Amino acid sequence: MSTKVFTVAGIIVQNGNTKVRFANDMVRRIKQFTKGGATRISFVDLPKEMNKIDALAHLKAHTDFQSASDQATIADCLEDRVKDANKGKGTVKVKAVKAKPSIEAIKSRAKKPAVAAVAAPVVITDDKVTA
């Protein structure tokens, strides 16, 4: 998980997409989203510098974000952030590697006796061929 901290968090609606956004400079971000055509920009100052998960918990309890759609947006974002934070903390399966034999072990192996091919006698008579 990232160790970045933010002082401002909020929800914007831009091009029909509702997203949670984080920043350290509210004025700059409001100008940026206004220029980009956002139809809703709702930012609040956080009580202290917070990482994204803590900021989302603060937004979830804030009075400006109590509508059902805001709570759903925050819950989705929080779920994604927690999932990202827990990446790599699971169990890892390690495949056993078979040891390669040494040259001495290969040389000490008994040689297999060669099998001699023995041909069966073939008898040809006028009527039949027998093997």
C-alpha atoms as a PDB file:
ATOM      1  CA  MET A   1       0.000   0.000   0.000  1.00  0.00           C
ATOM      2  CA  SER A   2       1.108   3.534  -0.679  1.00  0.00           C
ATOM      3  CA  THR A   3       2.279   5.685   2.225  1.00  0.00           C
ATOM      4  CA  LYS A   4       1.018   8.940   0.694  1.00  0.00           C
ATOM      5  CA  VAL A   5      -1.044  11.170   2.954  1.00  0.00           C
ATOM      6  CA  PHE A   6      -3.657  13.753   2.014  1.00  0.00           C
ATOM      7  CA  THR A   7      -5.299  16.774   3.629  1.00  0.00           C
ATOM      8  CA  VAL A   8      -8.404  16.984   1.397  1.00  0.00           C
ATOM      9  CA  ALA A   9     -10.859  14.325   0.195  1.00  0.00           C
ATOM     10  CA  GLY A  10     -14.214  14.367  -1.501  1.00  0.00           C
ATOM     11  CA  ILE A  11     -16.499  13.161  -4.247  1.00  0.00           C
ATOM     12  CA  ILE A  12     -16.763  14.465  -7.784  1.00  0.00           C
ATOM     13  CA  VAL A  13     -19.097  13.677 -10.684  1.00  0.00           C
ATOM     14  CA  GLN A  14     -17.446  14.094 -14.063  1.00  0.00           C
ATOM     15  CA  ASN A  15     -18.798  12.797 -17.376  1.00  0.00           C
ATOM     16  CA  GLY A  16     -21.428  10.810 -15.460  1.00  0.00           C
ATOM     17  CA  ASN A  17     -18.830   8.990 -13.332  1.00  0.00           C
ATOM     18  CA  THR A  18     -18.866   9.430  -9.562  1.00  0.00           C
ATOM     19  CA  LYS A  19     -15.458   9.057  -7.952  1.00  0.00           C
ATOM     20  CA  VAL A  20     -13.729   9.661  -4.643  1.00  0.00           C
ATOM     21  CA  ARG A  21     -10.729  11.961  -5.015  1.00  0.00           C
ATOM     22  CA  PHE A  22      -7.865  12.885  -2.703  1.00  0.00           C
ATOM     23  CA  ALA A  23      -5.653  15.968  -2.714  1.00  0.00           C
ATOM     24  CA  ASN A  24      -3.393  18.219  -0.694  1.00  0.00           C
ATOM     25  CA  ASP A  25      -4.517  21.507  -2.277  1.00  0.00           C
ATOM     26  CA  MET A  26      -8.285  21.978  -2.406  1.00  0.00           C
ATOM     27  CA  VAL A  27      -8.265  25.165  -4.508  1.00  0.00           C
ATOM     28  CA  ARG A  28      -6.046  23.690  -7.215  1.00  0.00           C
ATOM     29  CA  ARG A  29      -8.124  20.492  -7.427  1.00  0.00           C
ATOM     30  CA  ILE A  30     -11.429  22.412  -7.586  1.00  0.00           C
ATOM     31  CA  LYS A  31     -10.065  24.558 -10.437  1.00  0.00           C
ATOM     32  CA  GLN A  32      -8.795  21.441 -12.193  1.00  0.00           C
ATOM     33  CA  PHE A  33     -12.125  19.597 -11.990  1.00  0.00           C
ATOM     34  CA  THR A  34     -14.138  22.694 -12.892  1.00  0.00           C
ATOM     35  CA  LYS A  35     -12.016  23.156 -15.996  1.00  0.00           C
ATOM     36  CA  GLY A  36     -12.509  19.456 -16.798  1.00  0.00           C
ATOM     37  CA  GLY A  37     -16.298  19.816 -16.741  1.00  0.00           C
ATOM     38  CA  ALA A  38     -17.195  18.210 -13.419  1.00  0.00           C
ATOM     39  CA  THR A  39     -20.866  18.690 -12.506  1.00  0.00           C
ATOM     40  CA  ARG A  40     -20.371  18.096  -8.779  1.00  0.00           C
ATOM     41  CA  ILE A  41     -17.304  18.831  -6.677  1.00  0.00           C
ATOM     42  CA  SER A  42     -17.618  18.177  -2.938  1.00  0.00           C
ATOM     43  CA  PHE A  43     -14.359  18.322  -1.007  1.00  0.00           C
ATOM     44  CA  VAL A  44     -13.778  18.556   2.744  1.00  0.00           C
ATOM     45  CA  ASP A  45     -10.652  19.255   4.748  1.00  0.00           C
ATOM     46  CA  LEU A  46      -9.505  16.226   6.680  1.00  0.00           C
ATOM     47  CA  PRO A  47      -8.860  16.724  10.419  1.00  0.00           C
ATOM     48  CA  LYS A  48      -5.238  15.629   9.961  1.00  0.00           C
ATOM     49  CA  GLU A  49      -3.092  14.171   7.201  1.00  0.00           C
ATOM     50  CA  MET A  50      -4.517  10.745   6.379  1.00  0.00           C
ATOM     51  CA  ASN A  51      -3.842   7.888   4.016  1.00  0.00           C
ATOM     52  CA  LYS A  52      -6.621   6.918   1.611  1.00  0.00           C
ATOM     53  CA  ILE A  53      -8.196   4.236   3.809  1.00  0.00           C
ATOM     54  CA  ASP A  54      -8.403   6.536   6.834  1.00  0.00           C
ATOM     55  CA  ALA A  55      -9.715   9.388   4.661  1.00  0.00           C
ATOM     56  CA  LEU A  56     -12.448   7.115   3.274  1.00  0.00           C
ATOM     57  CA  ALA A  57     -13.482   6.142   6.807  1.00  0.00           C
ATOM     58  CA  HIS A  58     -13.708   9.858   7.655  1.00  0.00           C
ATOM     59  CA  LEU A  59     -15.792  10.588   4.539  1.00  0.00           C
ATOM     60  CA  LYS A  60     -18.135   7.692   5.360  1.00  0.00           C
ATOM     61  CA  ALA A  61     -18.950   9.319   8.714  1.00  0.00           C
ATOM     62  CA  HIS A  62     -19.056  12.932   7.418  1.00  0.00           C
ATOM     63  CA  THR A  63     -22.496  14.618   7.272  1.00  0.00           C
ATOM     64  CA  ASP A  64     -21.984  15.928   3.694  1.00  0.00           C
ATOM     65  CA  PHE A  65     -21.703  12.381   2.300  1.00  0.00           C
ATOM     66  CA  GLN A  66     -24.677  10.559   3.865  1.00  0.00           C
ATOM     67  CA  SER A  67     -26.744  10.024   0.703  1.00  0.00           C
ATOM     68  CA  ALA A  68     -27.144   6.428  -0.462  1.00  0.00           C
ATOM     69  CA  SER A  69     -25.177   7.032  -3.674  1.00  0.00           C
ATOM     70  CA  ASP A  70     -22.305   8.716  -1.792  1.00  0.00           C
ATOM     71  CA  GLN A  71     -22.163   5.901   0.757  1.00  0.00           C
ATOM     72  CA  ALA A  72     -22.111   3.303  -2.041  1.00  0.00           C
ATOM     73  CA  THR A  73     -19.320   5.158  -3.854  1.00  0.00           C
ATOM     74  CA  ILE A  74     -17.256   5.413  -0.666  1.00  0.00           C
ATOM     75  CA  ALA A  75     -17.877   1.746   0.208  1.00  0.00           C
ATOM     76  CA  ASP A  76     -16.763   0.612  -3.282  1.00  0.00           C
ATOM     77  CA  CYS A  77     -13.618   2.717  -3.123  1.00  0.00           C
ATOM     78  CA  LEU A  78     -12.842   1.545   0.419  1.00  0.00           C
ATOM     79  CA  GLU A  79     -13.251  -2.097  -0.614  1.00  0.00           C
ATOM     80  CA  ASP A  80     -10.837  -1.592  -3.527  1.00  0.00           C
ATOM     81  CA  ARG A  81      -8.268   0.161  -1.321  1.00  0.00           C
ATOM     82  CA  VAL A  82      -8.401  -2.526   1.369  1.00  0.00           C
ATOM     83  CA  LYS A  83      -8.036  -5.229  -1.299  1.00  0.00           C
ATOM     84  CA  ASP A  84      -4.991  -3.417  -2.726  1.00  0.00           C
ATOM     85  CA  ALA A  85      -3.516  -3.006   0.765  1.00  0.00           C
ATOM     86  CA  ASN A  86      -3.846  -6.743   1.425  1.00  0.00           C
ATOM     87  CA  LYS A  87      -2.222  -7.804  -1.837  1.00  0.00           C
ATOM     88  CA  GLY A  88       0.770 -10.004  -1.286  1.00  0.00           C
ATOM     89  CA  LYS A  89      -0.141 -10.918   2.273  1.00  0.00           C
ATOM     90  CA  GLY A  90      -1.567 -14.341   1.355  1.00  0.00           C
ATOM     91  CA  THR A  91       0.167 -17.663   1.318  1.00  0.00           C
ATOM     92  CA  VAL A  92       2.621 -18.482  -1.404  1.00  0.00           C
ATOM     93  CA  LYS A  93       2.914 -21.959  -2.875  1.00  0.00           C
ATOM     94  CA  VAL A  94       6.456 -22.968  -3.636  1.00  0.00           C
ATOM     95  CA  LYS A  95       7.016 -25.674  -6.199  1.00  0.00           C
ATOM     96  CA  ALA A  96       9.523 -28.291  -5.115  1.00  0.00           C
ATOM     97  CA  VAL A  97      12.562 -28.405  -7.362  1.00  0.00           C
ATOM     98  CA  LYS A  98      13.980 -31.829  -8.104  1.00  0.00           C
ATOM     99  CA  ALA A  99      17.716 -31.953  -7.516  1.00  0.00           C
ATOM    100  CA  LYS A 100      19.793 -32.702 -10.577  1.00  0.00           C
ATOM    101  CA  PRO A 101      22.112 -35.733 -10.306  1.00  0.00           C
ATOM    102  CA  SER A 102      25.843 -35.125 -10.105  1.00  0.00           C
ATOM    103  CA  ILE A 103      28.285 -36.331 -12.746  1.00  0.00           C
ATOM    104  CA  GLU A 104      29.616 -38.946 -10.300  1.00  0.00           C
ATOM    105  CA  ALA A 105      26.126 -40.309  -9.732  1.00  0.00           C
ATOM    106  CA  ILE A 106      25.555 -40.583 -13.455  1.00  0.00           C
ATOM    107  CA  LYS A 107      28.914 -42.314 -14.006  1.00  0.00           C
ATOM    108  CA  SER A 108      28.318 -44.778 -11.172  1.00  0.00           C
ATOM    109  CA  ARG A 109      25.059 -46.016 -12.609  1.00  0.00           C
ATOM    110  CA  ALA A 110      25.273 -49.591 -13.821  1.00  0.00           C
ATOM    111  CA  LYS A 111      25.237 -49.924 -17.540  1.00  0.00           C
ATOM    112  CA  LYS A 112      22.297 -51.865 -18.872  1.00  0.00           C
ATOM    113  CA  PRO A 113      23.294 -54.932 -20.833  1.00  0.00           C
ATOM    114  CA  ALA A 114      22.639 -54.655 -24.522  1.00  0.00           C
ATOM    115  CA  VAL A 115      19.919 -56.957 -25.748  1.00  0.00           C
ATOM    116  CA  ALA A 116      21.078 -58.904 -28.769  1.00  0.00           C
ATOM    117  CA  ALA A 117      18.505 -59.355 -31.449  1.00  0.00           C
ATOM    118  CA  VAL A 118      18.051 -63.008 -32.229  1.00  0.00           C
ATOM    119  CA  ALA A 119      16.364 -63.755 -35.464  1.00  0.00           C
ATOM    120  CA  ALA A 120      13.999 -66.685 -35.545  1.00  0.00           C
ATOM    121  CA  PRO A 121      14.668 -69.148 -38.306  1.00  0.00           C
ATOM    122  CA  VAL A 122      12.334 -68.790 -41.221  1.00  0.00           C
ATOM    123  CA  VAL A 123      11.319 -71.923 -43.015  1.00  0.00           C
ATOM    124  CA  ILE A 124       9.870 -71.567 -46.456  1.00  0.00           C
ATOM    125  CA  THR A 125       8.023 -74.426 -48.005  1.00  0.00           C
ATOM    126  CA  ASP A 126       5.921 -74.543 -51.071  1.00  0.00           C
ATOM    127  CA  ASP A 127       2.651 -74.192 -49.192  1.00  0.00           C
ATOM    128  CA  LYS A 128       3.491 -72.155 -46.086  1.00  0.00           C
ATOM    129  CA  VAL A 129       5.876 -69.698 -44.539  1.00  0.00           C
ATOM    130  CA  THR A 130       6.554 -70.307 -40.849  1.00  0.00           C
ATOM    131  CA  ALA A 131       8.459 -68.182 -38.510  1.00  0.00           C
END
